[in-house]
Amino acid sequence: FSAVVIPVVALGTIDGLTAHTASDSLILTLPMSYGVPWLTVLVFLGGLSAATAMVVVASTALATMISNDIAAPLLWHQRLEDGASLGKRVLWVRRVVIVSLALLAFAYYRSASGSISLAAIGQLAFAAVAQFAPALFAALYWRSASRAGVFWGMLSGFIAWGYLLFLPNLAAGGIVAAKAFAAWPGVLGLLRHSLGDAAGADAVGLRAFLALSLNVLVMLI
């Protein structure tokens, strides 16, 4: 399905829509520019259904993992009251987690929507998921890898990802103070732009590479 994006972007570039239209709304602006309102409504409904499915699947999967790996062991070791059902408690934990995740995601989007696009949020998420790659390849192809090395490597990578990518995003949205980044002036001289800036969006790959490199370096040491 990714191949369908190419003609859409090419058509928007030819018509000049990409110059004054946000990338997130290009797919809606394109049929409107040709005077086809019914196609715009159809595209909107398709995007709404796809986004809803992603939210449902992601929230359910995260709630299941949290309830099975964190909540269930804690409840299992506690003394349950007479007649209490562990399954019902785990079910309620999943419901609370799903609602909490939805509220947190909405609050994050509302606070950062003025300084970062949806595509940049996706890049931020992919950069975080990439921190699992060194541990995965080490488990498959490097028999000498140690558990401690993998753990500290991932921890270092996620800390670097949070400092170089996530915290600047929060600072651009006004959630945290920008002076929190005064600890590493040398690094900030190179990566001084937030994700909301054009230069910051281009520097996402460099920041992700630095975090991933630190992950690999610590794991090897």
Protein backbone atom coordinates (compact mmCIF):
# COMPACT_ATOMS: atom_id res chain seq x y z
CA PHE A 1 0.00 0.00 0.00
CA SER A 2 2.99 2.33 0.42
CA ALA A 3 3.41 2.44 -3.35
CA VAL A 4 0.11 4.37 -3.59
CA VAL A 5 1.74 7.29 -1.77
CA ILE A 6 4.11 7.95 -4.68
CA PRO A 7 1.51 9.10 -7.27
CA VAL A 8 -0.33 11.13 -4.63
CA VAL A 9 2.82 13.03 -3.65
CA ALA A 10 3.85 13.40 -7.30
CA LEU A 11 0.47 14.85 -8.25
CA GLY A 12 0.54 17.23 -5.29
CA THR A 13 4.03 18.37 -6.27
CA ILE A 14 3.02 18.99 -9.89
CA ASP A 15 0.01 21.06 -8.80
CA GLY A 16 2.11 22.99 -6.27
CA LEU A 17 0.02 21.88 -3.29
CA THR A 18 3.02 20.62 -1.34
CA ALA A 19 4.43 24.15 -1.16
CA HIS A 20 1.58 25.55 0.95
CA THR A 21 -0.16 22.45 2.33
CA ALA A 22 0.82 20.41 5.36
CA SER A 23 1.88 16.87 4.53
CA ASP A 24 -0.71 15.47 6.95
CA SER A 25 -3.62 17.02 5.01
CA LEU A 26 -2.31 16.65 1.46
CA ILE A 27 -4.46 13.60 0.78
CA LEU A 28 -7.57 15.64 1.67
CA THR A 29 -6.50 18.83 -0.11
CA LEU A 30 -5.81 17.06 -3.39
CA PRO A 31 -9.39 15.97 -4.25
CA MET A 32 -10.74 19.32 -2.96
CA SER A 33 -8.49 21.20 -5.39
CA TYR A 34 -10.05 19.24 -8.26
CA GLY A 35 -13.59 19.96 -7.06
CA VAL A 36 -14.47 16.39 -6.04
CA PRO A 37 -16.07 16.75 -2.57
CA TRP A 38 -17.44 13.20 -2.47
CA LEU A 39 -13.93 11.79 -2.90
CA THR A 40 -12.70 14.04 -0.08
CA VAL A 41 -15.39 12.63 2.23
CA LEU A 42 -14.51 9.09 1.18
CA VAL A 43 -10.80 9.67 1.85
CA PHE A 44 -11.61 11.18 5.24
CA LEU A 45 -13.76 8.20 6.23
CA GLY A 46 -11.05 5.79 5.12
CA GLY A 47 -8.41 7.63 7.14
CA LEU A 48 -10.70 7.81 10.15
CA SER A 49 -11.39 4.07 10.04
CA ALA A 50 -7.69 3.25 9.63
CA ALA A 51 -6.68 5.54 12.50
CA THR A 52 -9.40 4.11 14.74
CA ALA A 53 -8.24 0.57 13.99
CA MET A 54 -4.64 1.50 14.83
CA VAL A 55 -5.70 3.04 18.15
CA VAL A 56 -7.82 0.02 19.09
CA VAL A 57 -5.13 -2.53 18.18
CA ALA A 58 -2.28 -0.63 19.83
CA SER A 59 -4.22 0.10 23.03
CA THR A 60 -5.46 -3.48 23.34
CA ALA A 61 -2.00 -4.94 22.72
CA LEU A 62 -0.30 -2.62 25.25
CA ALA A 63 -3.01 -3.20 27.85
CA THR A 64 -2.68 -6.98 27.42
CA MET A 65 1.10 -6.87 27.81
CA ILE A 66 0.92 -4.64 30.89
CA SER A 67 -1.78 -6.73 32.55
CA ASN A 68 -0.12 -10.07 31.79
CA ASP A 69 3.50 -9.13 32.52
CA ILE A 70 3.10 -6.60 35.35
CA ALA A 71 -0.34 -6.63 36.92
CA ALA A 72 -1.04 -10.39 36.90
CA PRO A 73 2.22 -11.39 38.71
CA LEU A 74 1.67 -8.69 41.34
CA LEU A 75 -1.92 -9.75 41.94
CA TRP A 76 -0.93 -13.41 41.97
CA HIS A 77 1.51 -12.92 44.84
CA GLN A 78 -1.01 -10.99 46.91
CA ARG A 79 -3.62 -12.65 49.00
CA LEU A 80 -6.91 -12.41 47.23
CA GLU A 81 -10.06 -11.98 49.23
CA ASP A 82 -12.43 -14.89 49.55
CA GLY A 83 -14.36 -15.30 46.34
CA ALA A 84 -12.29 -12.69 44.50
CA SER A 85 -11.52 -13.47 40.89
CA LEU A 86 -8.07 -12.81 39.52
CA GLY A 87 -9.46 -12.74 35.99
CA LYS A 88 -11.89 -9.93 36.80
CA ARG A 89 -9.13 -7.86 38.39
CA VAL A 90 -6.87 -8.33 35.38
CA LEU A 91 -9.77 -7.38 33.12
CA TRP A 92 -10.33 -4.15 35.05
CA VAL A 93 -6.60 -3.41 34.88
CA ARG A 94 -6.77 -3.74 31.09
CA ARG A 95 -9.74 -1.38 30.91
CA VAL A 96 -8.00 1.23 33.06
CA VAL A 97 -4.80 0.94 31.02
CA ILE A 98 -6.68 1.34 27.73
CA VAL A 99 -8.46 4.50 28.92
CA SER A 100 -5.23 5.89 30.43
CA LEU A 101 -3.25 5.29 27.25
CA ALA A 102 -5.91 6.97 25.13
CA LEU A 103 -6.03 10.01 27.42
CA LEU A 104 -2.23 10.30 27.57
CA ALA A 105 -1.91 10.00 23.79
CA PHE A 106 -4.59 12.65 23.24
CA ALA A 107 -2.99 15.00 25.78
CA TYR A 108 0.41 14.56 24.15
CA TYR A 109 -1.00 15.22 20.68
CA ARG A 110 -2.86 18.35 21.81
CA SER A 111 0.18 19.75 23.58
CA ALA A 112 2.59 19.04 20.71
CA SER A 113 0.30 19.50 17.68
CA GLY A 114 1.29 23.13 17.28
CA SER A 115 5.01 22.36 17.05
CA ILE A 116 5.25 18.95 15.41
CA SER A 117 3.48 17.16 12.58
CA LEU A 118 1.99 13.70 12.60
CA ALA A 119 4.80 12.48 10.34
CA ALA A 120 7.40 13.75 12.81
CA ILE A 121 5.63 11.91 15.62
CA GLY A 122 5.92 8.76 13.52
CA GLN A 123 9.63 9.37 13.01
CA LEU A 124 10.01 9.82 16.74
CA ALA A 125 8.32 6.47 17.37
CA PHE A 126 10.39 4.65 14.76
CA ALA A 127 13.57 6.06 16.30
CA ALA A 128 12.49 4.63 19.66
CA VAL A 129 11.65 1.21 18.22
CA ALA A 130 15.05 1.13 16.51
CA GLN A 131 16.67 0.89 19.95
CA PHE A 132 15.54 -2.74 20.10
CA ALA A 133 17.44 -3.65 16.92
CA PRO A 134 20.94 -4.11 18.45
CA ALA A 135 19.59 -6.47 21.11
CA LEU A 136 17.64 -8.43 18.51
CA PHE A 137 20.60 -8.89 16.18
CA ALA A 138 22.88 -9.69 19.12
CA ALA A 139 20.52 -12.44 20.25
CA LEU A 140 20.43 -13.93 16.75
CA TYR A 141 24.03 -13.60 15.55
CA TRP A 142 26.33 -12.85 18.50
CA ARG A 143 26.67 -15.69 20.98
CA SER A 144 29.09 -13.76 23.19
CA ALA A 145 26.55 -11.05 23.94
CA SER A 146 25.79 -10.70 27.63
CA ARG A 147 22.50 -9.94 29.27
CA ALA A 148 23.99 -7.01 31.18
CA GLY A 149 25.49 -5.54 28.01
CA VAL A 150 22.18 -5.71 26.16
CA PHE A 151 20.31 -4.18 29.11
CA TRP A 152 22.70 -1.27 29.66
CA GLY A 153 22.99 -0.69 25.92
CA MET A 154 19.22 -0.40 25.51
CA LEU A 155 18.97 1.80 28.60
CA SER A 156 21.67 4.14 27.29
CA GLY A 157 20.04 4.27 23.87
CA PHE A 158 16.63 5.13 25.28
CA ILE A 159 18.10 7.81 27.55
CA ALA A 160 19.87 9.36 24.56
CA TRP A 161 16.68 9.09 22.49
CA GLY A 162 14.73 10.82 25.24
CA TYR A 163 17.24 13.64 25.58
CA LEU A 164 17.94 14.22 21.90
CA LEU A 165 14.47 13.62 20.45
CA PHE A 166 11.65 13.35 22.96
CA LEU A 167 12.54 16.18 25.36
CA PRO A 168 13.15 18.72 22.55
CA ASN A 169 9.71 17.81 21.27
CA LEU A 170 8.19 18.55 24.69
CA ALA A 171 10.16 21.79 24.89
CA ALA A 172 8.88 22.86 21.47
CA GLY A 173 5.34 22.32 22.71
CA GLY A 174 6.01 24.30 25.88
CA ILE A 175 5.58 21.30 28.19
CA VAL A 176 9.11 21.48 29.63
CA ALA A 177 11.47 24.42 29.89
CA ALA A 178 14.08 24.80 27.16
CA LYS A 179 16.76 25.46 29.79
CA ALA A 180 16.64 21.77 30.64
CA PHE A 181 18.92 21.19 27.64
CA ALA A 182 21.77 23.35 28.93
CA ALA A 183 23.62 20.33 30.31
CA TRP A 184 25.38 19.39 27.06
CA PRO A 185 26.21 22.64 25.24
CA GLY A 186 28.55 20.87 22.80
CA VAL A 187 25.84 18.50 21.66
CA LEU A 188 23.24 21.23 21.57
CA GLY A 189 25.48 23.30 19.35
CA LEU A 190 25.07 20.57 16.75
CA LEU A 191 21.46 19.67 17.51
CA ARG A 192 20.03 22.98 18.68
CA HIS A 193 16.79 22.84 16.68
CA SER A 194 13.58 21.31 17.92
CA LEU A 195 11.60 18.75 15.97
CA GLY A 196 9.11 21.43 15.02
CA ASP A 197 11.72 23.32 12.99
CA ALA A 198 12.54 22.36 9.43
CA ALA A 199 16.17 21.81 10.38
CA GLY A 200 15.09 19.77 13.36
CA ALA A 201 12.95 17.51 11.17
CA ASP A 202 15.95 16.89 8.93
CA ALA A 203 18.10 16.15 11.97
CA VAL A 204 15.86 13.37 13.27
CA GLY A 205 17.94 10.78 11.43
CA LEU A 206 21.18 12.14 12.92
CA ARG A 207 19.77 12.14 16.44
CA ALA A 208 18.41 8.63 16.05
CA PHE A 209 21.80 7.50 14.71
CA LEU A 210 23.59 9.00 17.72
CA ALA A 211 21.25 7.25 20.16
CA LEU A 212 21.57 3.96 18.28
CA SER A 213 25.36 4.28 18.15
CA LEU A 214 25.50 4.79 21.90
CA ASN A 215 23.29 1.73 22.33
CA VAL A 216 25.66 -0.45 20.27
CA LEU A 217 28.80 1.00 21.87
CA VAL A 218 27.64 0.33 25.43
CA MET A 219 26.49 -3.17 24.49
CA LEU A 220 29.90 -3.99 22.97
CA ILE A 221 31.76 -2.64 25.99
